C-alpha atoms as a PDB file:
ATOM      1  CA  MET A   1       7.126  42.253 108.745  1.00  0.00           C
ATOM      2  CA  THR A   2       6.221  45.260 106.712  1.00  0.00           C
ATOM      3  CA  ALA A   3       8.548  46.826 104.222  1.00  0.00           C
ATOM      4  CA  LEU A   4       8.210  50.193 106.340  1.00  0.00           C
ATOM      5  CA  THR A   5       9.612  48.158 109.470  1.00  0.00           C
ATOM      6  CA  ARG A   6      12.409  47.405 107.203  1.00  0.00           C
ATOM      7  CA  ASP A   7      13.100  50.405 105.909  1.00  0.00           C
ATOM      8  CA  ILE A   8      13.412  51.859 109.569  1.00  0.00           C
ATOM      9  CA  ILE A   9      15.671  48.964 110.820  1.00  0.00           C
ATOM     10  CA  ILE A  10      17.792  50.207 107.813  1.00  0.00           C
ATOM     11  CA  ASP A  11      17.616  53.319 108.830  1.00  0.00           C
ATOM     12  CA  ARG A  12      18.766  52.749 112.694  1.00  0.00           C
ATOM     13  CA  ALA A  13      21.427  50.662 111.151  1.00  0.00           C
ATOM     14  CA  ARG A  14      22.504  53.594 108.800  1.00  0.00           C
ATOM     15  CA  GLN A  15      22.142  56.157 111.640  1.00  0.00           C
ATOM     16  CA  LYS A  16      24.155  53.774 114.170  1.00  0.00           C
ATOM     17  CA  TYR A  17      26.831  52.698 111.932  1.00  0.00           C
ATOM     18  CA  ILE A  18      27.266  55.047 108.654  1.00  0.00           C
ATOM     19  CA  MET A  19      26.482  57.960 110.073  1.00  0.00           C
ATOM     20  CA  PRO A  20      29.402  57.790 112.343  1.00  0.00           C
ATOM     21  CA  GLY A  21      31.758  56.787 110.303  1.00  0.00           C
ATOM     22  CA  ILE A  22      32.080  52.886 111.586  1.00  0.00           C
ATOM     23  CA  THR A  23      31.376  51.781 107.749  1.00  0.00           C
ATOM     24  CA  ASN A  24      30.111  53.264 104.431  1.00  0.00           C
ATOM     25  CA  ASN A  25      28.680  49.919 103.462  1.00  0.00           C
ATOM     26  CA  ILE A  26      24.659  49.639 103.994  1.00  0.00           C
ATOM     27  CA  THR A  27      25.098  45.976 104.042  1.00  0.00           C
ATOM     28  CA  GLU A  28      27.660  45.633 106.620  1.00  0.00           C
ATOM     29  CA  ALA A  29      25.803  48.474 108.836  1.00  0.00           C
ATOM     30  CA  LEU A  30      22.939  46.473 108.913  1.00  0.00           C
ATOM     31  CA  ALA A  31      24.581  42.997 109.731  1.00  0.00           C
ATOM     32  CA  LEU A  32      26.198  45.163 112.653  1.00  0.00           C
ATOM     33  CA  TYR A  33      22.908  46.329 114.175  1.00  0.00           C
ATOM     34  CA  LEU A  34      20.702  43.177 113.793  1.00  0.00           C
ATOM     35  CA  LYS A  35      23.799  41.321 115.480  1.00  0.00           C
ATOM     36  CA  ASN A  36      24.556  44.045 118.097  1.00  0.00           C
ATOM     37  CA  ASP A  37      21.572  46.141 118.428  1.00  0.00           C
ATOM     38  CA  ALA A  38      18.321  44.826 117.105  1.00  0.00           C
ATOM     39  CA  PRO A  39      15.812  43.729 119.577  1.00  0.00           C
ATOM     40  CA  GLU A  40      14.264  40.371 118.802  1.00  0.00           C
ATOM     41  CA  ASP A  41      10.973  41.730 117.013  1.00  0.00           C
ATOM     42  CA  GLU A  42      13.431  43.662 114.387  1.00  0.00           C
ATOM     43  CA  GLN A  43      15.643  40.620 113.365  1.00  0.00           C
ATOM     44  CA  ILE A  44      15.342  40.305 109.473  1.00  0.00           C
ATOM     45  CA  PRO A  45      16.967  37.984 107.344  1.00  0.00           C
ATOM     46  CA  ILE A  46      19.501  39.802 104.863  1.00  0.00           C
ATOM     47  CA  TRP A  47      21.793  37.930 102.294  1.00  0.00           C
ATOM     48  CA  ILE A  48      25.106  39.028 102.676  1.00  0.00           C
ATOM     49  CA  ILE A  49      27.579  38.554  99.974  1.00  0.00           C
ATOM     50  CA  THR A  50      30.843  36.186 101.504  1.00  0.00           C
ATOM     51  CA  PRO A  51      34.198  36.591  99.665  1.00  0.00           C
ATOM     52  CA  GLU A  52      33.531  33.143  98.037  1.00  0.00           C
ATOM     53  CA  ILE A  53      30.447  34.392  96.071  1.00  0.00           C
ATOM     54  CA  HIS A  54      32.210  37.450  94.980  1.00  0.00           C
ATOM     55  CA  GLN A  55      35.063  35.498  94.027  1.00  0.00           C
ATOM     56  CA  MET A  56      32.892  32.878  91.658  1.00  0.00           C
ATOM     57  CA  ARG A  57      30.905  36.224  90.348  1.00  0.00           C
ATOM     58  CA  GLU A  58      34.071  37.501  89.605  1.00  0.00           C
ATOM     59  CA  ILE A  59      35.462  34.117  87.693  1.00  0.00           C
ATOM     60  CA  LEU A  60      32.053  33.559  85.967  1.00  0.00           C
ATOM     61  CA  LYS A  61      32.552  36.928  84.124  1.00  0.00           C
ATOM     62  CA  GLN A  62      35.874  35.689  82.743  1.00  0.00           C
ATOM     63  CA  ILE A  63      34.986  31.914  82.201  1.00  0.00           C
ATOM     64  CA  ARG A  64      31.747  30.134  82.264  1.00  0.00           C
ATOM     65  CA  PRO A  65      30.741  26.595  81.488  1.00  0.00           C
ATOM     66  CA  ARG A  66      28.132  25.771  78.241  1.00  0.00           C
ATOM     67  CA  CYS A  67      25.900  24.007  77.605  1.00  0.00           C
ATOM     68  CA  ASP A  68      26.322  20.979  75.323  1.00  0.00           C
ATOM     69  CA  GLU A  69      22.905  20.995  73.930  1.00  0.00           C
ATOM     70  CA  CYS A  70      22.650  24.622  72.662  1.00  0.00           C
ATOM     71  CA  GLY A  71      26.051  26.325  73.951  1.00  0.00           C
ATOM     72  CA  GLU A  72      24.216  28.840  76.427  1.00  0.00           C
ATOM     73  CA  GLU A  73      26.098  29.768  79.711  1.00  0.00           C
ATOM     74  CA  LEU A  74      25.383  27.658  82.368  1.00  0.00           C
ATOM     75  CA  TYR A  75      24.321  28.461  85.853  1.00  0.00           C
ATOM     76  CA  LEU A  76      25.759  27.342  89.024  1.00  0.00           C
ATOM     77  CA  LYS A  77      22.759  26.137  91.317  1.00  0.00           C
ATOM     78  CA  THR A  78      23.694  24.632  94.864  1.00  0.00           C
ATOM     79  CA  GLY A  79      21.451  21.905  96.285  1.00  0.00           C
ATOM     80  CA  ALA A  80      20.038  20.443  93.461  1.00  0.00           C
ATOM     81  CA  VAL A  81      18.067  17.431  92.972  1.00  0.00           C
ATOM     82  CA  ASP A  82      17.623  15.251  90.091  1.00  0.00           C
ATOM     83  CA  PRO A  83      13.949  14.048  88.653  1.00  0.00           C
ATOM     84  CA  HIS A  84      14.820  10.579  91.005  1.00  0.00           C
ATOM     85  CA  GLY A  85      14.906  12.749  94.256  1.00  0.00           C
ATOM     86  CA  VAL A  86      18.789  12.257  94.474  1.00  0.00           C
ATOM     87  CA  LYS A  87      20.649  15.205  95.970  1.00  0.00           C
ATOM     88  CA  TYR A  88      23.898  16.885  94.657  1.00  0.00           C
ATOM     89  CA  ARG A  89      25.670  19.693  95.947  1.00  0.00           C
ATOM     90  CA  THR A  90      25.668  20.802  92.416  1.00  0.00           C
ATOM     91  CA  ALA A  91      24.183  21.463  89.313  1.00  0.00           C
ATOM     92  CA  TRP A  92      24.797  23.327  86.052  1.00  0.00           C
ATOM     93  CA  LEU A  93      22.022  24.827  84.574  1.00  0.00           C
ATOM     94  CA  CYS A  94      21.184  25.859  80.838  1.00  0.00           C
ATOM     95  CA  LYS A  95      18.201  28.140  81.182  1.00  0.00           C
ATOM     96  CA  ASN A  96      17.610  27.848  77.363  1.00  0.00           C
ATOM     97  CA  CYS A  97      17.191  23.913  77.546  1.00  0.00           C
ATOM     98  CA  GLU A  98      16.182  23.468  80.648  1.00  0.00           C
ATOM     99  CA  ILE A  99      18.911  20.538  81.443  1.00  0.00           C
ATOM    100  CA  GLU A 100      20.854  20.266  84.515  1.00  0.00           C
ATOM    101  CA  TYR A 101      24.429  18.658  85.037  1.00  0.00           C
ATOM    102  CA  TYR A 102      24.484  17.356  88.126  1.00  0.00           C
ATOM    103  CA  SER A 103      27.694  17.507  90.547  1.00  0.00           C
ATOM    104  CA  ASP A 104      29.066  16.510  93.783  1.00  0.00           C
ATOM    105  CA  LYS A 105      31.276  18.948  93.887  1.00  0.00           C
ATOM    106  CA  SER A 106      30.974  22.097  96.282  1.00  0.00           C
ATOM    107  CA  PRO A 107      30.583  25.937  95.012  1.00  0.00           C
ATOM    108  CA  ALA A 108      34.354  26.205  96.048  1.00  0.00           C
ATOM    109  CA  GLU A 109      35.475  23.433  94.151  1.00  0.00           C
ATOM    110  CA  TRP A 110      34.155  24.861  91.397  1.00  0.00           C
ATOM    111  CA  LEU A 111      35.356  28.083  91.911  1.00  0.00           C
ATOM    112  CA  GLU A 112      39.479  26.353  92.129  1.00  0.00           C
ATOM    113  CA  GLU A 113      38.488  24.497  88.936  1.00  0.00           C
ATOM    114  CA  LEU A 114      37.415  27.249  87.503  1.00  0.00           C
ATOM    115  CA  GLN A 115      40.173  29.690  88.466  1.00  0.00           C
ATOM    116  CA  ASP A 116      43.066  27.105  87.304  1.00  0.00           C
ATOM    117  CA  GLU A 117      41.065  27.238  83.702  1.00  0.00           C
ATOM    118  CA  ALA A 118      40.964  30.787  83.611  1.00  0.00           C
ATOM    119  CA  ARG A 119      44.723  30.936  84.246  1.00  0.00           C
ATOM    120  CA  LYS A 120      45.680  28.906  81.333  1.00  0.00           C
END
């Protein structure tokens, strides 16, 4: 799909859902357009931030795990695979050391744990 076509699809979503006042959010308008109006040749992938992802981003602004080696902030990665091919639900990644701390906890479980820690 070309950028021009993508821009046309976004413009159609804007005209159908933002201009009449149904929503003020272009991501929501695009999701509505793709779900309700777009023909098959206009179906494009979009990333929509779920409430859980938003909550995780907000909590990570307050409290974020740090690397045991260098002390830098870690970033949560989902669907991690270790060097031996073992799959994990998540891993905390140090971009400085390139160390990964693997875990079988889900992002939701990490969110709950971080929220509990932030409350302390």
